[in-house]
Structure formats: structure tokens, C-alpha cells
Protein backbone atom coordinates (compact mmCIF):
# COMPACT_ATOMS: atom_id res chain seq x y z
CA UNK A 1 -42.81 80.18 -35.99
CA UNK A 2 -39.94 79.25 -38.28
CA UNK A 3 -37.35 79.66 -35.51
CA UNK A 4 -39.39 77.61 -33.09
CA UNK A 5 -39.78 74.83 -35.67
CA UNK A 6 -36.03 74.71 -36.21
CA UNK A 7 -35.35 74.23 -32.47
CA UNK A 8 -37.77 71.31 -32.32
CA UNK A 9 -36.03 69.58 -35.22
CA UNK A 10 -32.65 69.93 -33.54
CA UNK A 11 -34.00 68.45 -30.31
CA UNK A 12 -35.40 65.41 -32.13
CA UNK A 13 -32.08 64.66 -33.80
CA UNK A 14 -30.24 64.71 -30.43
CA UNK A 15 -32.69 62.18 -29.03
CA UNK A 16 -32.08 59.82 -31.92
CA UNK A 17 -28.33 60.09 -31.51
CA UNK A 18 -28.63 59.52 -27.74
CA UNK A 19 -30.79 56.43 -28.22
CA UNK A 20 -28.27 54.95 -30.65
CA UNK A 21 -25.42 55.67 -28.25
CA UNK A 22 -27.39 54.20 -25.34
CA UNK A 23 -28.11 51.03 -27.30
CA UNK A 24 -24.43 50.62 -28.08
CA UNK A 25 -23.54 51.16 -24.41
CA UNK A 26 -26.12 48.58 -23.29
CA UNK A 27 -24.71 46.10 -25.79
CA UNK A 28 -21.20 46.76 -24.50
CA UNK A 29 -22.38 46.31 -20.91
CA UNK A 30 -24.05 43.02 -21.90
CA UNK A 31 -20.85 41.86 -23.57
CA UNK A 32 -18.86 42.79 -20.48
CA UNK A 33 -21.38 41.10 -18.19
CA UNK A 34 -21.55 37.94 -20.28
CA UNK A 35 -17.78 37.82 -20.64
CA UNK A 36 -17.49 38.10 -16.87
CA UNK A 37 -20.01 35.30 -16.40
CA UNK A 38 -18.16 33.06 -18.84
CA UNK A 39 -14.84 33.86 -17.20
CA UNK A 40 -16.34 33.17 -13.79
CA UNK A 41 -17.71 29.87 -15.08
CA UNK A 42 -14.30 28.99 -16.50
CA UNK A 43 -12.77 29.57 -13.07
CA UNK A 44 -15.49 27.44 -11.48
CA UNK A 45 -14.79 24.71 -14.03
CA UNK A 46 -11.06 24.83 -13.30
CA UNK A 47 -11.70 24.63 -9.55
CA UNK A 48 -14.16 21.78 -10.06
CA UNK A 49 -11.66 19.91 -12.26
CA UNK A 50 -8.88 20.38 -9.68
CA UNK A 51 -11.14 19.19 -6.87
CA UNK A 52 -12.35 16.18 -8.89
CA UNK A 53 -8.86 15.11 -9.96
CA UNK A 54 -7.45 15.60 -6.48
CA UNK A 55 -10.29 13.61 -4.89
CA UNK A 56 -9.74 10.70 -7.27
CA UNK A 57 -5.98 10.76 -6.63
CA UNK A 58 -6.54 10.86 -2.86
CA UNK A 59 -8.64 7.71 -3.13
CA UNK A 60 -5.92 5.96 -5.13
CA UNK A 61 -3.26 7.08 -2.63
CA UNK A 62 -5.36 5.75 0.25
CA UNK A 63 -5.85 2.49 -1.62
CA UNK A 64 -2.09 2.08 -1.98
CA UNK A 65 -1.63 2.95 1.70
CA UNK A 66 -4.26 0.37 2.64
CA UNK A 67 -2.47 -2.26 0.57
CA UNK A 68 0.74 -1.31 2.38
CA UNK A 69 -1.03 -1.79 5.72
CA UNK A 70 -2.19 -5.21 4.52
CA UNK A 71 1.41 -6.18 3.73
CA UNK A 72 2.46 -5.04 7.16
CA UNK A 73 -0.44 -6.95 8.71
CA UNK A 74 0.62 -10.12 6.90
CA UNK A 75 4.14 -9.65 8.24
CA UNK A 76 2.71 -9.25 11.75
CA UNK A 77 0.65 -12.42 11.34
CA UNK A 78 3.68 -14.38 10.17
CA UNK A 79 5.74 -13.08 13.08
CA UNK A 80 2.89 -14.12 15.40
CA UNK A 81 3.04 -17.64 13.98
CA UNK A 82 6.81 -17.65 14.50
CA UNK A 83 6.31 -16.57 18.11
CA UNK A 84 3.72 -19.29 18.61
CA UNK A 85 6.08 -21.92 17.23
CA UNK A 86 8.90 -20.54 19.40
CA UNK A 87 6.83 -20.79 22.56
CA UNK A 88 5.71 -24.32 21.74
CA UNK A 89 9.28 -25.37 21.03
CA UNK A 90 10.60 -23.79 24.23
CA UNK A 91 7.91 -25.27 26.51
CA UNK A 92 8.48 -28.66 24.87
CA UNK A 93 12.20 -28.34 25.60
CA UNK A 94 11.58 -27.14 29.17
CA UNK A 95 9.20 -30.04 29.84
CA UNK A 96 11.81 -32.54 28.60
CA UNK A 97 14.60 -30.81 30.59
CA UNK A 98 12.64 -30.84 33.87
CA UNK A 99 11.53 -34.43 33.25
CA UNK A 100 15.16 -35.54 32.76
CA UNK A 101 16.23 -33.70 35.88
CA UNK A 102 13.41 -35.32 37.81
CA UNK A 103 14.61 -38.79 36.76
CA UNK A 104 17.79 -38.10 38.74
CA UNK A 105 16.42 -36.15 41.72
CA UNK A 106 13.23 -38.11 42.42
CA UNK A 107 15.13 -40.53 44.62
CA UNK A 108 16.57 -37.70 46.73
CA UNK A 109 14.48 -36.98 49.83
CA UNK A 110 12.62 -33.66 49.74
CA UNK A 111 14.35 -32.56 46.53
CA UNK A 112 12.63 -35.33 44.59
CA UNK A 113 9.19 -34.24 45.80
CA UNK A 114 9.90 -30.67 44.75
CA UNK A 115 11.17 -31.55 41.27
CA UNK A 116 8.28 -33.94 40.71
CA UNK A 117 5.81 -31.16 41.54
CA UNK A 118 7.58 -28.76 39.18
CA UNK A 119 7.64 -31.41 36.47
CA UNK A 120 3.88 -31.92 36.72
CA UNK A 121 3.23 -28.17 36.46
CA UNK A 122 5.55 -27.70 33.46
CA UNK A 123 4.08 -30.76 31.73
CA UNK A 124 0.57 -29.35 32.16
CA UNK A 125 1.63 -26.01 30.74
CA UNK A 126 3.28 -27.68 27.75
CA UNK A 127 0.19 -29.76 27.05
CA UNK A 128 -2.04 -26.66 27.12
CA UNK A 129 0.32 -24.68 24.91
CA UNK A 130 0.65 -27.48 22.35
CA UNK A 131 -3.14 -27.72 22.05
CA UNK A 132 -4.10 -24.04 22.06
CA UNK A 133 -1.47 -22.23 19.99
CA UNK A 134 -1.89 -24.20 16.74
CA UNK A 135 -5.46 -22.85 16.65
CA UNK A 136 -4.01 -19.32 16.68
CA UNK A 137 -1.70 -20.32 13.82
CA UNK A 138 -4.66 -21.37 11.72
CA UNK A 139 -6.44 -18.09 12.50
CA UNK A 140 -3.40 -16.08 11.39
CA UNK A 141 -3.26 -17.95 8.09
CA UNK A 142 -6.95 -17.25 7.53
CA UNK A 143 -6.38 -13.55 8.17
CA UNK A 144 -3.53 -13.52 5.66
CA UNK A 145 -5.83 -14.98 3.04
CA UNK A 146 -8.50 -12.34 3.70
CA UNK A 147 -6.00 -9.49 3.82
CA UNK A 148 -4.56 -10.38 0.43
CA UNK A 149 -7.61 -11.53 -1.51
CA UNK A 150 -10.06 -8.93 -0.15
CA UNK A 151 -7.88 -6.15 1.18
CA UNK A 152 -5.40 -6.06 -1.70
CA UNK A 153 -6.69 -7.82 -4.80
CA UNK A 154 -10.35 -6.84 -4.35
CA UNK A 155 -9.76 -3.20 -3.47
CA UNK A 156 -7.09 -2.77 -6.14
CA UNK A 157 -9.45 -4.08 -8.84
CA UNK A 158 -11.96 -1.26 -8.25
CA UNK A 159 -9.42 1.47 -7.46
CA UNK A 160 -9.88 3.55 -10.62
CA UNK A 161 -13.65 2.95 -10.82
CA UNK A 162 -14.22 4.26 -7.30
CA UNK A 163 -11.86 7.19 -7.93
CA UNK A 164 -13.79 8.07 -11.12
CA UNK A 165 -17.14 7.91 -9.32
CA UNK A 166 -15.76 10.06 -6.54
CA UNK A 167 -14.49 12.58 -9.10
CA UNK A 168 -17.95 12.69 -10.71
CA UNK A 169 -19.67 13.43 -7.40
CA UNK A 170 -17.13 16.10 -6.47
CA UNK A 171 -17.56 17.75 -9.89
CA UNK A 172 -21.34 17.83 -9.47
CA UNK A 173 -21.06 19.35 -6.02
CA UNK A 174 -19.01 22.10 -7.65
CA UNK A 175 -21.63 22.74 -10.34
CA UNK A 176 -19.95 20.83 -13.16
CA UNK A 177 -20.20 17.51 -14.99
CA UNK A 178 -17.60 15.13 -16.36
CA UNK A 179 -17.16 15.69 -20.07
CA UNK A 180 -17.44 12.95 -22.73
CA UNK A 181 -13.63 12.91 -22.91
CA UNK A 182 -13.60 11.09 -19.58
CA UNK A 183 -14.36 7.82 -21.32
CA UNK A 184 -10.88 7.93 -22.83
CA UNK A 185 -9.36 9.49 -19.71
CA UNK A 186 -10.85 6.72 -17.54
CA UNK A 187 -9.32 4.02 -19.74
CA UNK A 188 -5.98 5.81 -19.59
CA UNK A 189 -6.21 6.17 -15.81
CA UNK A 190 -7.13 2.50 -15.50
CA UNK A 191 -4.23 1.42 -17.71
CA UNK A 192 -1.75 3.31 -15.57
CA UNK A 193 -3.34 2.10 -12.31
CA UNK A 194 -3.22 -1.56 -13.29
CA UNK A 195 0.37 -1.20 -14.50
CA UNK A 196 1.47 0.47 -11.27
CA UNK A 197 1.39 -2.62 -9.03
CA UNK A 198 1.40 -6.37 -9.45
CA UNK A 199 0.81 -9.53 -7.45
CA UNK A 200 3.97 -11.32 -6.35
CA UNK A 201 3.61 -15.07 -5.92
CA UNK A 202 5.71 -18.22 -6.03
CA UNK A 203 6.50 -17.86 -9.73
CA UNK A 204 6.00 -14.14 -10.43
CA UNK A 205 9.50 -12.92 -9.61
CA UNK A 206 12.19 -12.05 -12.19
CA UNK A 207 12.57 -14.86 -14.68
CA UNK A 208 9.58 -16.72 -13.24
CA UNK A 209 11.35 -17.27 -9.93
CA UNK A 210 10.06 -16.85 -6.38
CA UNK A 211 8.41 -13.45 -6.03
CA UNK A 212 7.86 -13.34 -2.26
CA UNK A 213 11.52 -13.00 -1.27
CA UNK A 214 11.21 -9.45 -0.03
CA UNK A 215 8.31 -10.03 2.37
CA UNK A 216 10.08 -13.15 3.64
CA UNK A 217 13.16 -11.10 4.49
CA UNK A 218 11.06 -8.35 6.08
CA UNK A 219 9.41 -10.97 8.29
CA UNK A 220 12.69 -12.56 9.33
CA UNK A 221 14.07 -9.11 10.19
CA UNK A 222 10.93 -8.39 12.25
CA UNK A 223 11.33 -11.29 14.66
CA UNK A 224 11.87 -10.49 18.32
CA UNK A 225 14.93 -11.65 20.26
CA UNK A 226 13.23 -14.69 21.78
CA UNK A 227 12.08 -15.92 18.38
CA UNK A 228 15.39 -15.26 16.63
CA UNK A 229 17.83 -16.84 19.09
CA UNK A 230 17.49 -18.68 22.39
CA UNK A 231 21.07 -19.81 23.03
CA UNK A 232 23.82 -19.35 25.62
CA UNK A 233 26.86 -21.03 27.14
CA UNK A 234 28.15 -21.26 30.70
CA UNK A 235 30.76 -23.33 32.51
CA UNK A 236 34.38 -23.64 33.60
CA UNK A 237 36.65 -24.46 30.68
CA UNK A 238 38.30 -27.00 30.36
CA UNK A 239 36.36 -28.81 33.10
CA UNK A 240 32.76 -28.55 31.89
CA UNK A 241 30.39 -26.45 29.82
CA UNK A 242 26.61 -26.16 29.66
CA UNK A 243 25.41 -25.17 26.18
CA UNK A 244 21.85 -24.14 25.27
CA UNK A 245 20.93 -23.58 21.62
CA UNK A 246 17.62 -22.57 20.10
CA UNK A 247 15.76 -20.35 17.64
CA UNK A 248 12.99 -20.27 15.06
CA UNK A 249 13.52 -20.15 11.32
CA UNK A 250 11.35 -19.93 8.22
CA UNK A 251 12.42 -22.80 6.01
CA UNK A 252 11.91 -21.83 2.38
CA UNK A 253 8.42 -20.31 2.31
CA UNK A 254 6.69 -23.36 3.71
CA UNK A 255 7.53 -24.02 7.33
CA UNK A 256 8.15 -22.17 10.57
CA UNK A 257 10.30 -24.48 12.69
CA UNK A 258 11.51 -23.88 16.22
CA UNK A 259 14.22 -26.01 17.87
CA UNK A 260 15.60 -25.93 21.43
CA UNK A 261 18.13 -28.22 23.11
CA UNK A 262 20.72 -28.25 25.90
CA UNK A 263 23.88 -30.29 26.29
CA UNK A 264 26.35 -30.85 29.16
CA UNK A 265 29.97 -31.15 28.05
CA UNK A 266 32.90 -32.36 30.15
CA UNK A 267 36.61 -33.16 29.78
CA UNK A 268 38.12 -30.96 27.09
CA UNK A 269 40.41 -32.95 24.79
CA UNK A 270 43.40 -30.74 23.97
CA UNK A 271 44.61 -33.10 21.24
CA UNK A 272 41.34 -33.32 19.33
CA UNK A 273 40.16 -29.83 20.29
CA UNK A 274 36.72 -30.92 21.53
CA UNK A 275 34.81 -32.15 24.55
CA UNK A 276 35.12 -35.87 25.16
CA UNK A 277 31.76 -36.26 26.90
CA UNK A 278 28.48 -34.77 25.69
CA UNK A 279 25.23 -35.50 27.52
CA UNK A 280 21.86 -34.23 26.18
CA UNK A 281 19.90 -32.58 29.02
CA UNK A 282 16.75 -31.44 27.22
CA UNK A 283 15.32 -31.03 23.76
CA UNK A 284 12.15 -29.88 22.12
CA UNK A 285 10.76 -28.54 18.90
CA UNK A 286 7.64 -27.41 17.09
CA UNK A 287 6.64 -26.20 13.68
CA UNK A 288 3.85 -25.14 11.41
CA UNK A 289 4.88 -27.11 8.40
CA UNK A 290 4.38 -28.08 4.82
CA UNK A 291 5.20 -31.68 3.86
CA UNK A 292 7.89 -30.38 1.49
CA UNK A 293 9.91 -28.82 4.30
CA UNK A 294 8.88 -30.81 7.36
CA UNK A 295 12.18 -32.68 7.87
CA UNK A 296 14.54 -29.82 6.93
CA UNK A 297 16.49 -28.17 9.72
CA UNK A 298 17.33 -24.59 8.72
CA UNK A 299 19.15 -22.14 10.98
CA UNK A 300 17.98 -21.66 14.55
CA UNK A 301 19.78 -19.11 16.67
CA UNK A 302 23.52 -18.45 16.61
CA UNK A 303 25.06 -21.80 17.58
CA UNK A 304 23.35 -24.27 15.20
CA UNK A 305 24.93 -27.53 16.36
CA UNK A 306 21.90 -29.52 15.35
CA UNK A 307 23.97 -32.45 14.10
CA UNK A 308 24.80 -33.27 17.73
CA UNK A 309 22.66 -35.78 19.57
CA UNK A 310 20.60 -33.17 21.42
CA UNK A 311 19.97 -31.34 18.11
CA UNK A 312 18.83 -34.50 16.34
CA UNK A 313 16.46 -35.26 19.22
CA UNK A 314 15.04 -31.73 19.02
CA UNK A 315 14.43 -31.99 15.28
CA UNK A 316 12.77 -35.36 15.71
CA UNK A 317 10.58 -33.86 18.42
CA UNK A 318 9.52 -30.99 16.12
CA UNK A 319 8.63 -33.32 13.26
CA UNK A 320 6.71 -35.73 15.45
CA UNK A 321 4.78 -33.22 17.53
CA UNK A 322 3.31 -31.41 14.57
CA UNK A 323 2.07 -34.50 12.82
CA UNK A 324 0.11 -35.20 16.01
CA UNK A 325 -1.05 -31.75 17.15
CA UNK A 326 -1.59 -29.63 14.01
CA UNK A 327 -4.61 -30.77 12.04
CA UNK A 328 -4.08 -28.51 9.00
CA UNK A 329 -0.90 -27.99 7.04
CA UNK A 330 0.96 -24.71 6.88
CA UNK A 331 0.01 -22.99 3.64
CA UNK A 332 3.09 -20.83 3.47
CA UNK A 333 3.16 -17.20 2.54
CA UNK A 334 0.19 -15.72 0.79
CA UNK A 335 0.75 -13.72 -2.37
CA UNK A 336 1.23 -9.99 -1.91
CA UNK A 337 0.84 -6.72 -3.78
CA UNK A 338 3.80 -4.47 -4.42
CA UNK A 339 4.99 -2.00 -7.03
CA UNK A 340 5.62 -3.35 -10.47
CA UNK A 341 9.36 -3.50 -11.11
CA UNK A 342 10.46 -1.71 -7.91
CA UNK A 343 12.98 1.03 -8.73
CA UNK A 344 15.38 0.87 -5.76
CA UNK A 345 16.89 4.09 -7.14
CA UNK A 346 15.95 7.64 -6.06
CA UNK A 347 16.27 8.90 -9.65
CA UNK A 348 13.53 6.50 -10.77
CA UNK A 349 10.46 7.86 -8.93
CA UNK A 350 7.11 6.14 -8.88
CA UNK A 351 4.31 8.58 -9.72
CA UNK A 352 0.74 7.82 -10.75
CA UNK A 353 -1.34 10.47 -12.63
CA UNK A 354 -5.13 10.78 -12.48
CA UNK A 355 -6.73 13.08 -15.07
CA UNK A 356 -10.28 14.47 -15.25
CA UNK A 357 -12.04 16.92 -17.57
CA UNK A 358 -15.20 18.73 -16.47
CA UNK A 359 -17.70 20.89 -18.33
CA UNK A 360 -20.16 23.54 -17.20
CA UNK A 361 -22.85 23.51 -19.84
CA UNK A 362 -23.89 26.82 -21.33
CA UNK A 363 -27.47 26.37 -20.12
CA UNK A 364 -26.11 26.47 -16.56
CA UNK A 365 -24.21 29.74 -17.10
CA UNK A 366 -26.38 32.77 -16.16
CA UNK A 367 -25.71 35.15 -19.09
CA UNK A 368 -27.85 38.03 -20.35
CA UNK A 369 -29.07 36.69 -23.68
CA UNK A 370 -30.68 38.76 -26.45
CA UNK A 371 -34.02 37.22 -27.14
CA UNK A 372 -34.64 39.59 -30.09
CA UNK A 373 -31.19 38.89 -31.54
CA UNK A 374 -30.43 42.61 -31.37
CA UNK A 375 -26.82 43.51 -32.14
CA UNK A 376 -24.92 46.72 -31.58
CA UNK A 377 -23.58 48.51 -34.65
CA UNK A 378 -20.05 49.80 -34.30
CA UNK A 379 -18.61 52.84 -36.10
CA UNK A 380 -17.05 50.72 -38.84
CA UNK A 381 -20.41 49.12 -39.53
CA UNK A 382 -19.63 45.73 -37.91
CA UNK A 383 -22.07 44.08 -35.52
CA UNK A 384 -21.36 43.24 -31.88
CA UNK A 385 -23.41 40.41 -30.41
CA UNK A 386 -24.07 40.27 -26.67
CA UNK A 387 -24.41 36.46 -26.74
CA UNK A 388 -21.16 34.71 -25.67
CA UNK A 389 -19.48 32.30 -28.05
CA UNK A 390 -18.77 29.10 -26.14
CA UNK A 391 -17.27 27.28 -29.08
CA UNK A 392 -19.16 24.18 -28.02
CA UNK A 393 -21.67 23.11 -25.40
CA UNK A 394 -20.06 25.00 -22.52
CA UNK A 395 -16.77 25.77 -20.82
CA UNK A 396 -14.26 22.95 -20.19
CA UNK A 397 -11.36 22.40 -17.81
CA UNK A 398 -8.80 19.60 -17.65
CA UNK A 399 -6.90 18.79 -14.43
CA UNK A 400 -4.39 16.17 -13.36
CA UNK A 401 -3.45 15.05 -9.86
CA UNK A 402 -0.45 12.96 -8.95
CA UNK A 403 -0.01 10.08 -6.47
CA UNK A 404 3.56 9.89 -5.21
CA UNK A 405 5.58 8.34 -2.38
CA UNK A 406 6.83 10.76 0.24
CA UNK A 407 7.70 10.38 3.90
CA UNK A 408 5.91 12.71 6.34
CA UNK A 409 7.38 16.17 6.66
CA UNK A 410 10.35 16.31 9.03
CA UNK A 411 10.18 12.57 9.61
CA UNK A 412 13.27 11.04 7.96
CA UNK A 413 14.39 7.47 8.46
CA UNK A 414 16.24 6.91 11.70
CA UNK A 415 19.11 5.25 9.87
CA UNK A 416 19.39 8.24 7.50
CA UNK A 417 19.00 6.08 4.39
CA UNK A 418 16.91 6.81 1.33
CA UNK A 419 13.30 5.64 1.54
CA UNK A 420 12.34 3.98 -1.75
CA UNK A 421 8.73 3.71 -2.90
CA UNK A 422 7.05 0.45 -1.92
CA UNK A 423 3.83 -1.06 -0.63
CA UNK A 424 5.39 -1.79 2.75
CA UNK A 425 5.16 1.77 4.10
CA UNK A 426 1.96 3.88 3.89
CA UNK A 427 3.54 7.10 2.66
CA UNK A 428 1.55 7.62 -0.53
CA UNK A 429 0.02 11.08 -0.98
CA UNK A 430 -1.84 13.09 -3.63
CA UNK A 431 -1.07 16.51 -5.08
CA UNK A 432 -2.09 18.54 -8.11
CA UNK A 433 0.15 18.37 -11.18
CA UNK A 434 0.37 19.75 -14.70
CA UNK A 435 -1.45 17.90 -17.46
CA UNK A 436 0.37 15.25 -19.45
CA UNK A 437 0.52 15.04 -23.22
CA UNK A 438 -1.52 11.84 -23.33
CA UNK A 439 -4.40 13.41 -21.38
CA UNK A 440 -4.39 16.47 -23.62
CA UNK A 441 -4.41 14.35 -26.77
CA UNK A 442 -7.39 12.34 -25.46
CA UNK A 443 -9.32 15.53 -24.67
CA UNK A 444 -8.56 17.08 -28.06
CA UNK A 445 -9.49 13.91 -29.91
CA UNK A 446 -12.87 13.80 -28.15
CA UNK A 447 -13.62 17.27 -29.56
CA UNK A 448 -12.44 16.44 -33.07
CA UNK A 449 -9.27 18.48 -32.71
CA UNK A 450 -5.83 17.47 -33.88
CA UNK A 451 -3.12 17.53 -31.23
CA UNK A 452 0.46 18.22 -32.15
CA UNK A 453 2.51 16.64 -29.32
CA UNK A 454 5.48 18.95 -29.87
CA UNK A 455 3.26 21.97 -29.30
CA UNK A 456 1.56 20.71 -26.16
CA UNK A 457 4.31 21.87 -23.81
CA UNK A 458 6.55 19.88 -21.51
CA UNK A 459 5.87 16.62 -19.80
CA UNK A 460 3.55 16.45 -16.82
CA UNK A 461 5.10 17.07 -13.40
CA UNK A 462 3.66 13.65 -12.51
CA UNK A 463 6.22 11.92 -14.73
């Protein structure tokens, strides 16, 4: 009986040791499981933060591209007005030219009947053009107003707010929420967004000067050949020469004026170096004007002999016709949006960061908790808890995306020149970037931590 009793005691001790070992193993498995869940949640938070920041930056990039399209649309509208003025000037000139020819040929049998018929047709066309096209001019000016005030100013004002709301929705779809630090991050994003572009107007350029010079030059460079110059010469020197001059110019920022005229020249004077006889054959003009620039001439085409009699008649025709046919005055260029202080240097890139921090709250992380607060005892007597230590209300992740200007892949400029950032070409794109020091300091401050800028690493890849 004594031997049997001893065996039973030994078996009981082994069971106790096994149960203690099993409890420790279960605790270790719980720690491993919970650590894996927390790590998995951290990865989810990082992915959610990247997706949220990238989505907000994509919206801002598309907003800048839309503003660029609005600038291009305003250029198109201005070119359309210039084409309208050109056509009205040319038909006015052609009507006067045919009318003058008909004064001479109407007494010639057969030929007079033909020229009179042509004159009536051209006169009818000119009348229709002079009445219809100014309406199109007014429509183009209205579109410019809408494109700037609504398409640029209105959309730009809510750019960061919409991006932040989009980031919030994307974070939620990825199982996360925006952290309280986003109050400070939003203000920082808004500050950088509002400082990225500005409105250029009559007095917003350098030193309070004209700020619309660039879009004016872009428009003038965008004119077609008919609008730019309508001039030629033909004849037999030194016997005679027939000279036609014409073109449409933007005078200051106030008036599109088109002038056309023709002159017959005879008898070249070798002593004085000029034609002795000059006879105006036809003249015409039109403009969409402002009273400040109505009587100015400008440059029209390549010849520009508007001080001659035919040129003076054309200018008088342009000034008189518009006071009769156009019921509203030309309002000039609308204001436009462009980058603040354009760089014009490749080494001075324009980049816009957008930062977001997300949190996955600990209640949303499926960990194996210990309801009885049971801890595993290690060999050295310390306790090992299965509950994860979040160090706060959950796991956090900060991400930054960058909006930058970049031409499409394998699509360089045809002239081979450097493409500088601007709001005239829609080449703005978003990409992920490293976090900046300012975003990290805002996040740390929201958690009551002290940031040491020198220990935060290098600058963000977003500049």
C-alpha cells in the first residue's frame, strides 16, 4: 500500500506542473495573437492613412487642373472675341471695297449689273455679321465671368475642405477614423493651399502693377493667322502697287480692335523715295471696346501704315460702328488664378503637401482579452499580461501625399524646353511622400508629446 500511495503522489505533482506550464503557454499564445492583431491593425491604419492622404491630394490636384482648364477656356473665349472682331472688320472693309468699285463700274454695261448684284450681297452679309457677332462677344464675356468666379474662385475656396471630407470617408471605408490631430493638420493644409495660388487682377502684379500680363500674352500668341495679320502687296514697281493691310490687336486689356484697308499707289518718286499718288480703295474696322481705349490704334498685322488716309478711315469706321452696334461695353480681361510667385526656374519646384492622421480605436481591434485579469508568471517571478498596451485609445498612422507639376510620361514639349509649373497646363498629379516636420510636430502636440525638430529626420520629399 505504501508503494502504491507514493506513485499516486508523484502523478499528482506532474499534473500540477503540466497545468502551470499549459497556462504559461496559453498566455504566450494570447500575447502572440494579440500582438499579431495589433500589428495587423497598425498596417491597416497605415494603409488607411495613405489612402486618405492620397485621396485628398488627388482632389487638390484635380482642382488645380480644373483651374488650369478655366484659364485655357478664358483664353479660348478671348480668341473667339478677337476672331469675331476680325470677321466684322473684314466684312466691313469688303463691303466698302465692293461699294467703291461699284461706283466706277455701275455705268459700264453688263459689268455694272454684275458688280451691283455683288455689292448688294456683300452689304447684306456685312449687315448680318455686324448684328449677330456682338451677341456672341457678350456671351463670351459672360462665360469668362462664370469660369473665374465659379470655376476658379469658388472651387479654390473649398479645395481643402472637400479634400478633408474625402479623406475622412476614405479612412472610414478602410476601417479607421481621423484622429483629433487633424484639426491642426487641416489648418496647416488649408494654410498651404491658400498660399499656393493667388488671384491676378489689374493691380495684383509685382509692385501693385498689372497682374494679367501673362494671360494677355498667351492670348495674343494663340490667335490664328487671319486674326493676327491680313495684309499683302502686289503690283509692278515703279509703276503701281496695290497694298492691303489688316489685323486685330488687343489694346491694353480693354479693347479688341480690328482694322482693314487697301490702297492703290502709282508713280514712284525716286527723289523722295515714295509713291506720289495714293488712292484709298476700301476700309473697315470693328472692335469690342472700353471707352478708355476706343480711339487708340495699336498694331494690326505686319504693315501698320494706319497714319495714311485709308488707315485713318478704317480707324474711324471701327470707332463709329461699335458705338452704334454694340450695346454693352467690353469689360476687358477677367481676373485669373495662377501660382503665387511663379518660379520660372526648374530648381524652384512647386509642391503642395496634404497630411492626414488616422486612428483605429482599440475597441475595434479584435484581441483576446483576459476578462479575469489572469497573468502568466515567468520563471523570474514577473507577470506577463495578455492584454495589449496601446499607449492610448488605439493605433495611429500619419501619412502625407504630395501635389506636384509633371508632364505626362514620355510626352515632352515639342520645342524641347523646360515646362515650368503653372495654372495654364493641367499637369498636376498626386503621389505619396514622407511626412514633414510640421505635420509630425502637430501630431505630437495633440498627444501631449514634445517634438524635437532635429530628431524628426529629414525634410519631407514634398518640399
